[in-house]
Amino acid sequence: KERTEMRETHLLIKGDFTRPDKSMSPGVPKTLHPMETEGEANRLDLAKWITSPENPLTARVVMNRMWQQYFGNGIVETENDFGTQGSLPSNPALLDWLAVEFMESGWSMKQMHRLITQSTTYRQSSKFRQDLYDKDPRNLLLGRQNRVRLESEIVRDVALQASGLLEPSIGGASVHPPQPKGVMGLGQVQRSWKANQDEGRFRRGMYTFFWRATPHPALSVFDSPDAFSTCTRRIRSNTPLQALALLNDPAFHEMAEQFALLMLEQSVESDSARVTFGFKRCTSRLPDSDELKVMLEFISQQRKSTKSLDSIKQQKTVWLNVARVLLNLDETITRE
C-alpha cells in the first residue's frame, strides 16, 4: 500500500545514510521510453512501465528463462545479460514470437508452459544422432531434445512418487524432512531441526524449510543454489556424492524400503513382472530385454548372498536392493 504522502528520498554520498545530499524523485532512464504517471510516480506506475508493450525486454527475458528451464539453454545463452556484452539469440524470431504470445495471453505463465510442453520441439527424443551433431555440435537449433538432470527438489520428488509416499497437498507452511544428525551444527549458529513425523515429511521438495547457512544436504549435493546471492542458472554437476546420497541417505533409504514393498504387493508372481512394474514407475517406460536380463541376474545374485536369511526377510532385502538400484538409475533422475 502506498503512503498518502511520499517520503522524501536523498542521494546518499558514498552510500552513507548519515550524509544525505540532494533530494531525488522517482524516474526512469531517459534513453528508454517515458513512464506515464498521474501525479508523482509510484510503484504501480513502475510496474506498468516495466510490463508496457513498448518495453519488449521484460517478456523476452521471462520467455528466455522459461525456454532455458525446458531445454537446458536459453535462446539467449547469457540469460542474465541481454546487453552488448551478452550473446546473440540463436533464434531471434522465435524469442520475439514467444514474447508477443506471452503479452497477448495476458502474461499467463500457465498458457506459455502449456504451449512449450505441447510443442513438437519439446517432445523430441534426446537420442544422439551423428548427422545432427555434424551440422550443429552444440544443438543450438534443437534438432533433438537435450538431456537435463532434474533439479535437486525434483530428484527427491521422483523418489517419493515412485515409492508411493508423495504427499501431494498444495500450499501451507514449510516442512522439515529427516536429515543426517549433526548437519545443523556445521554452521556458525547452532540451530535445531525437528523433523516432521507426520505425512508432511513426504511433501514436495519445494516445501522443505531452507536455512541459508546450512541448507538440507540432499538439496546441496544435487546443486541447489544457496540463498546468499541470486541464481539465474543452476549449474549441474556429476559427482560420486550424488550416487552415495541416493543409496545411503536415510530419507532415500526409507523411500527404497517402501518402493520394495510396493513391488512385492503387486498381484504377480514373476520377478520380471515386478521389475517391469518398478522400472516403469521410475523411468515411465518398459525395460528392454537387455535391461530386464541384467536386473534378473542381479536378483539372482542377491538371493545367493542372502540365502542365510529366512524367506520373508530375504525377500524384503532382495527387493530393497532392487529398489535402490532403480532409484539410482541415471534415467530416473534425468529428463530424457
Protein backbone atom coordinates (compact mmCIF):
# COMPACT_ATOMS: atom_id res chain seq x y z
CA LYS A 1 0.00 0.00 0.00
CA GLU A 2 1.35 3.39 -1.00
CA ARG A 3 1.85 6.17 1.53
CA THR A 4 -0.62 9.05 1.45
CA GLU A 5 2.38 11.38 1.36
CA MET A 6 5.56 10.42 -0.45
CA ARG A 7 8.63 10.10 1.73
CA GLU A 8 11.48 12.40 0.81
CA THR A 9 14.47 10.49 -0.56
CA HIS A 10 18.00 11.80 -0.88
CA LEU A 11 21.10 10.86 -2.80
CA LEU A 12 23.49 9.42 -0.20
CA ILE A 13 27.13 10.44 -0.51
CA LYS A 14 29.16 7.23 -0.93
CA GLY A 15 26.07 5.30 0.17
CA ASP A 16 26.31 6.66 3.72
CA PHE A 17 22.83 7.29 5.16
CA THR A 18 24.28 9.89 7.55
CA ARG A 19 25.40 12.05 4.59
CA PRO A 20 22.28 12.90 2.57
CA ASP A 21 22.71 15.14 -0.47
CA LYS A 22 20.17 16.49 -2.94
CA SER A 23 16.57 15.31 -2.96
CA MET A 24 15.65 12.60 -5.51
CA SER A 25 12.34 11.84 -7.24
CA PRO A 26 11.21 8.59 -8.94
CA GLY A 27 12.09 8.25 -12.61
CA VAL A 28 13.45 6.02 -15.35
CA PRO A 29 16.50 6.35 -17.65
CA LYS A 30 15.88 8.99 -20.32
CA THR A 31 17.24 6.67 -23.01
CA LEU A 32 14.20 4.40 -22.53
CA HIS A 33 10.54 5.05 -23.21
CA PRO A 34 8.96 7.55 -20.77
CA MET A 35 6.89 6.48 -17.77
CA GLU A 36 3.31 7.71 -17.84
CA THR A 37 2.11 8.84 -14.43
CA GLU A 38 -0.78 10.64 -12.78
CA GLY A 39 0.99 12.87 -10.33
CA GLU A 40 4.24 11.74 -8.76
CA ALA A 41 5.37 8.28 -9.87
CA ASN A 42 4.79 5.33 -7.54
CA ARG A 43 5.45 1.58 -7.59
CA LEU A 44 2.33 0.80 -9.63
CA ASP A 45 3.49 3.22 -12.31
CA LEU A 46 6.85 1.45 -12.36
CA ALA A 47 5.17 -1.96 -12.71
CA LYS A 48 3.05 -0.70 -15.62
CA TRP A 49 6.16 0.78 -17.24
CA ILE A 50 8.08 -2.49 -16.92
CA THR A 51 5.23 -4.51 -18.48
CA SER A 52 4.34 -1.92 -21.13
CA PRO A 53 4.10 -3.17 -24.75
CA GLU A 54 6.69 -0.51 -25.52
CA ASN A 55 9.13 -2.47 -23.34
CA PRO A 56 9.55 -5.88 -25.01
CA LEU A 57 12.62 -6.69 -22.90
CA THR A 58 10.60 -7.95 -19.92
CA ALA A 59 8.64 -10.51 -21.94
CA ARG A 60 11.78 -11.59 -23.80
CA VAL A 61 13.70 -12.19 -20.57
CA VAL A 62 10.84 -14.16 -18.98
CA MET A 63 10.37 -16.34 -22.06
CA ASN A 64 14.10 -16.91 -22.37
CA ARG A 65 14.21 -18.14 -18.76
CA MET A 66 11.27 -20.45 -19.39
CA TRP A 67 12.93 -21.81 -22.54
CA GLN A 68 16.12 -22.39 -20.55
CA GLN A 69 14.15 -24.34 -17.96
CA TYR A 70 12.81 -26.75 -20.57
CA PHE A 71 15.80 -27.07 -22.90
CA GLY A 72 18.83 -26.55 -20.67
CA ASN A 73 19.94 -23.40 -22.51
CA GLY A 74 18.05 -20.23 -23.31
CA ILE A 75 17.59 -18.81 -26.79
CA VAL A 76 19.98 -16.18 -25.42
CA GLU A 77 22.63 -18.23 -23.60
CA THR A 78 23.62 -15.35 -21.31
CA GLU A 79 20.26 -15.37 -19.55
CA ASN A 80 21.35 -12.67 -17.11
CA ASP A 81 22.74 -10.29 -19.74
CA PHE A 82 20.70 -9.13 -22.74
CA GLY A 83 23.07 -6.19 -23.30
CA THR A 84 26.01 -5.66 -25.60
CA GLN A 85 28.22 -7.96 -23.52
CA GLY A 86 25.77 -10.87 -23.80
CA SER A 87 25.48 -13.48 -26.53
CA LEU A 88 23.20 -13.06 -29.52
CA PRO A 89 19.97 -15.10 -29.64
CA SER A 90 20.19 -18.35 -31.58
CA ASN A 91 16.69 -17.75 -32.94
CA PRO A 92 15.62 -14.09 -32.51
CA ALA A 93 12.36 -14.56 -34.42
CA LEU A 94 11.30 -17.35 -32.05
CA LEU A 95 12.15 -15.28 -28.98
CA ASP A 96 10.12 -12.32 -30.28
CA TRP A 97 7.19 -14.59 -31.15
CA LEU A 98 7.19 -16.10 -27.66
CA ALA A 99 7.38 -12.63 -26.10
CA VAL A 100 4.39 -11.40 -28.13
CA GLU A 101 2.39 -14.55 -27.35
CA PHE A 102 3.17 -14.07 -23.66
CA MET A 103 1.97 -10.46 -23.62
CA GLU A 104 -1.14 -11.20 -25.71
CA SER A 105 -2.06 -14.08 -23.37
CA GLY A 106 -2.34 -11.58 -20.52
CA TRP A 107 1.09 -12.57 -19.16
CA SER A 108 -0.20 -16.08 -18.45
CA MET A 109 2.69 -18.30 -17.35
CA LYS A 110 0.42 -21.35 -17.37
CA GLN A 111 -0.53 -20.82 -21.01
CA MET A 112 3.12 -20.47 -22.07
CA HIS A 113 4.14 -23.59 -20.13
CA ARG A 114 1.38 -25.47 -21.93
CA LEU A 115 2.41 -24.02 -25.31
CA ILE A 116 6.04 -25.10 -24.96
CA THR A 117 5.43 -28.55 -23.47
CA GLN A 118 2.91 -29.41 -26.20
CA SER A 119 5.27 -28.34 -28.97
CA THR A 120 6.95 -30.82 -31.32
CA THR A 121 10.33 -29.36 -30.38
CA TYR A 122 9.92 -30.14 -26.69
CA ARG A 123 8.59 -33.66 -27.32
CA GLN A 124 11.57 -34.72 -29.44
CA SER A 125 13.80 -37.60 -28.45
CA SER A 126 17.17 -36.72 -26.92
CA LYS A 127 18.84 -39.69 -28.63
CA PHE A 128 22.19 -38.75 -30.13
CA ARG A 129 22.34 -38.52 -33.93
CA GLN A 130 25.66 -38.15 -35.75
CA ASP A 131 24.15 -36.27 -38.70
CA LEU A 132 22.69 -33.61 -36.39
CA TYR A 133 25.93 -33.40 -34.42
CA ASP A 134 27.94 -32.75 -37.61
CA LYS A 135 25.67 -29.82 -38.52
CA ASP A 136 25.08 -28.39 -35.03
CA PRO A 137 27.54 -29.78 -32.42
CA ARG A 138 26.06 -27.77 -29.55
CA ASN A 139 22.46 -28.45 -30.58
CA LEU A 140 21.67 -24.73 -30.52
CA LEU A 141 18.94 -25.17 -33.12
CA LEU A 142 17.38 -28.08 -31.19
CA GLY A 143 17.40 -30.75 -33.86
CA ARG A 144 16.85 -33.07 -30.88
CA GLN A 145 15.90 -32.61 -27.23
CA ASN A 146 18.61 -32.03 -24.60
CA ARG A 147 19.14 -34.39 -21.66
CA VAL A 148 18.81 -32.44 -18.41
CA ARG A 149 19.44 -33.72 -14.88
CA LEU A 150 16.44 -32.97 -12.68
CA GLU A 151 16.65 -30.15 -10.16
CA SER A 152 17.53 -31.07 -6.59
CA GLU A 153 14.00 -30.71 -5.24
CA ILE A 154 12.55 -32.83 -8.04
CA VAL A 155 15.10 -35.64 -7.60
CA ARG A 156 13.56 -36.25 -4.17
CA ASP A 157 10.03 -35.83 -5.54
CA VAL A 158 10.64 -38.54 -8.15
CA ALA A 159 11.72 -41.00 -5.45
CA LEU A 160 8.69 -40.11 -3.33
CA GLN A 161 6.36 -40.59 -6.30
CA ALA A 162 7.93 -43.92 -7.32
CA SER A 163 7.65 -45.26 -3.77
CA GLY A 164 4.05 -44.12 -3.37
CA LEU A 165 4.92 -41.90 -0.40
CA LEU A 166 4.43 -38.50 -2.01
CA GLU A 167 2.05 -36.20 -0.11
CA PRO A 168 0.53 -34.14 -2.96
CA SER A 169 -1.11 -31.34 -0.95
CA ILE A 170 -0.53 -27.81 -2.23
CA GLY A 171 0.36 -24.74 -0.16
CA GLY A 172 0.85 -24.34 3.55
CA ALA A 173 3.83 -23.97 5.84
CA SER A 174 7.33 -25.30 5.17
CA VAL A 175 8.21 -28.79 6.39
CA HIS A 176 11.29 -30.37 7.96
CA PRO A 177 12.02 -33.77 6.38
CA PRO A 178 14.59 -36.00 8.09
CA GLN A 179 18.25 -35.24 7.54
CA PRO A 180 21.52 -36.69 8.94
CA LYS A 181 22.34 -35.87 12.55
CA GLY A 182 24.82 -33.08 13.19
CA VAL A 183 24.16 -31.15 9.98
CA MET A 184 22.65 -28.16 11.76
CA GLY A 185 25.79 -27.86 13.89
CA LEU A 186 28.04 -27.24 10.90
CA GLY A 187 27.10 -23.57 10.53
CA GLN A 188 28.25 -20.61 12.58
CA VAL A 189 24.98 -20.61 14.53
CA GLN A 190 23.79 -23.78 16.27
CA ARG A 191 20.22 -24.49 15.20
CA SER A 192 17.75 -27.27 15.85
CA TRP A 193 15.97 -29.29 13.18
CA LYS A 194 12.84 -31.01 14.45
CA ALA A 195 11.91 -33.41 11.69
CA ASN A 196 8.25 -33.81 10.81
CA GLN A 197 6.83 -37.13 11.99
CA ASP A 198 3.56 -36.83 10.06
CA GLU A 199 2.88 -37.00 6.32
CA GLY A 200 4.41 -33.54 5.97
CA ARG A 201 7.85 -35.14 5.71
CA PHE A 202 6.76 -36.60 2.38
CA ARG A 203 5.75 -33.31 0.79
CA ARG A 204 7.41 -31.99 -2.35
CA GLY A 205 10.94 -30.67 -2.07
CA MET A 206 9.84 -27.10 -2.77
CA TYR A 207 8.24 -27.04 0.71
CA THR A 208 11.45 -28.01 2.54
CA PHE A 209 12.48 -25.34 5.06
CA PHE A 210 15.71 -23.71 3.86
CA TRP A 211 18.34 -22.44 6.29
CA ARG A 212 20.62 -20.16 4.32
CA ALA A 213 23.84 -21.13 6.14
CA THR A 214 23.03 -24.84 6.48
CA PRO A 215 20.76 -26.00 3.63
CA HIS A 216 19.43 -29.54 3.56
CA PRO A 217 22.35 -31.76 2.39
CA ALA A 218 20.17 -33.72 -0.05
CA LEU A 219 19.48 -30.43 -1.84
CA SER A 220 23.08 -29.22 -1.77
CA VAL A 221 24.54 -32.41 -3.20
CA PHE A 222 22.31 -32.02 -6.26
CA ASP A 223 23.41 -28.42 -6.83
CA SER A 224 20.65 -26.46 -5.14
CA PRO A 225 21.71 -22.78 -5.14
CA ASP A 226 22.47 -21.09 -1.85
CA ALA A 227 20.43 -18.16 -0.62
CA PHE A 228 23.32 -15.71 -0.37
CA SER A 229 23.07 -14.44 -3.95
CA THR A 230 20.72 -14.51 -6.91
CA CYS A 231 20.82 -17.52 -9.21
CA THR A 232 19.80 -17.27 -12.86
CA ARG A 233 21.02 -20.74 -13.86
CA ARG A 234 21.57 -23.90 -11.84
CA ILE A 235 24.94 -25.44 -12.59
CA ARG A 236 24.58 -29.22 -12.80
CA SER A 237 27.45 -31.38 -11.57
CA ASN A 238 28.02 -35.13 -11.68
CA THR A 239 29.77 -36.42 -8.56
CA PRO A 240 30.04 -39.71 -6.61
CA LEU A 241 28.31 -37.99 -3.68
CA GLN A 242 25.07 -37.96 -5.64
CA ALA A 243 25.05 -41.73 -6.13
CA LEU A 244 26.00 -42.24 -2.48
CA ALA A 245 23.16 -39.97 -1.36
CA LEU A 246 20.62 -41.90 -3.44
CA LEU A 247 21.90 -45.17 -1.98
CA ASN A 248 22.53 -44.30 1.66
CA ASP A 249 20.71 -41.11 2.66
CA PRO A 250 18.19 -42.11 5.39
CA ALA A 251 15.30 -40.47 3.57
CA PHE A 252 16.10 -42.18 0.25
CA HIS A 253 16.63 -45.49 2.07
CA GLU A 254 13.15 -45.17 3.58
CA MET A 255 11.71 -44.47 0.13
CA ALA A 256 13.52 -47.53 -1.25
CA GLU A 257 12.03 -49.69 1.53
CA GLN A 258 8.53 -48.53 0.69
CA PHE A 259 9.20 -48.93 -3.03
CA ALA A 260 10.29 -52.54 -2.42
CA LEU A 261 7.05 -53.25 -0.53
CA LEU A 262 5.10 -51.66 -3.38
CA MET A 263 6.70 -54.04 -5.90
CA LEU A 264 6.13 -57.05 -3.62
CA GLU A 265 2.46 -56.13 -3.15
CA GLN A 266 1.76 -56.42 -6.87
CA SER A 267 -0.57 -59.29 -7.75
CA VAL A 268 2.09 -61.01 -9.85
CA GLU A 269 4.42 -63.86 -9.04
CA SER A 270 7.26 -63.49 -11.54
CA ASP A 271 10.36 -61.41 -10.86
CA SER A 272 10.28 -60.00 -14.39
CA ALA A 273 6.75 -58.60 -13.89
CA ARG A 274 7.76 -56.93 -10.62
CA VAL A 275 10.92 -55.49 -12.19
CA THR A 276 8.89 -54.19 -15.12
CA PHE A 277 6.44 -52.52 -12.74
CA GLY A 278 9.22 -50.83 -10.76
CA PHE A 279 11.21 -49.84 -13.84
CA LYS A 280 8.16 -48.18 -15.37
CA ARG A 281 7.42 -46.21 -12.19
CA CYS A 282 10.96 -44.79 -12.23
CA THR A 283 11.53 -44.18 -15.94
CA SER A 284 7.99 -44.02 -17.41
CA ARG A 285 8.84 -46.76 -19.91
CA LEU A 286 9.19 -50.53 -20.06
CA PRO A 287 12.65 -52.10 -19.77
CA ASP A 288 14.14 -53.62 -22.90
CA SER A 289 15.29 -57.24 -22.98
CA ASP A 290 18.90 -56.44 -22.03
CA GLU A 291 17.87 -54.25 -19.09
CA LEU A 292 15.45 -56.89 -17.85
CA LYS A 293 18.14 -59.57 -18.14
CA VAL A 294 20.61 -57.51 -16.09
CA MET A 295 18.05 -56.90 -13.34
CA LEU A 296 17.06 -60.58 -13.16
CA GLU A 297 20.73 -61.55 -12.88
CA PHE A 298 21.11 -59.00 -10.08
CA ILE A 299 18.14 -60.53 -8.24
CA SER A 300 19.69 -63.98 -8.58
CA GLN A 301 22.98 -62.71 -7.14
CA GLN A 302 21.17 -61.05 -4.24
CA ARG A 303 19.32 -64.24 -3.39
CA LYS A 304 22.59 -66.15 -3.27
CA SER A 305 24.21 -63.58 -0.97
CA THR A 306 21.21 -63.53 1.40
CA LYS A 307 20.41 -67.26 1.48
CA SER A 308 21.23 -67.40 5.21
CA LEU A 309 18.19 -65.24 5.99
CA ASP A 310 14.68 -66.58 6.47
CA SER A 311 12.48 -66.43 3.38
CA ILE A 312 10.45 -63.34 4.37
CA LYS A 313 13.46 -61.27 5.38
CA GLN A 314 15.38 -62.44 2.33
CA GLN A 315 12.55 -61.37 0.03
CA LYS A 316 12.41 -57.90 1.57
CA THR A 317 16.20 -57.48 1.46
CA VAL A 318 16.46 -58.56 -2.18
CA TRP A 319 13.74 -56.22 -3.35
CA LEU A 320 15.05 -53.37 -1.20
CA ASN A 321 18.30 -53.62 -3.15
CA VAL A 322 16.37 -53.77 -6.43
CA ALA A 323 14.54 -50.59 -5.41
CA ARG A 324 17.83 -48.86 -4.56
CA VAL A 325 19.21 -49.75 -8.00
CA LEU A 326 16.12 -48.46 -9.80
CA LEU A 327 16.08 -45.19 -7.85
CA ASN A 328 19.78 -44.72 -8.65
CA LEU A 329 19.41 -45.14 -12.41
CA ASP A 330 20.65 -42.18 -14.44
CA GLU A 331 17.39 -42.22 -16.34
CA THR A 332 15.40 -41.91 -13.10
CA ILE A 333 16.93 -38.53 -12.25
CA THR A 334 17.35 -37.26 -15.82
CA ARG A 335 14.82 -35.68 -18.15
CA GLU A 336 15.50 -37.51 -21.40
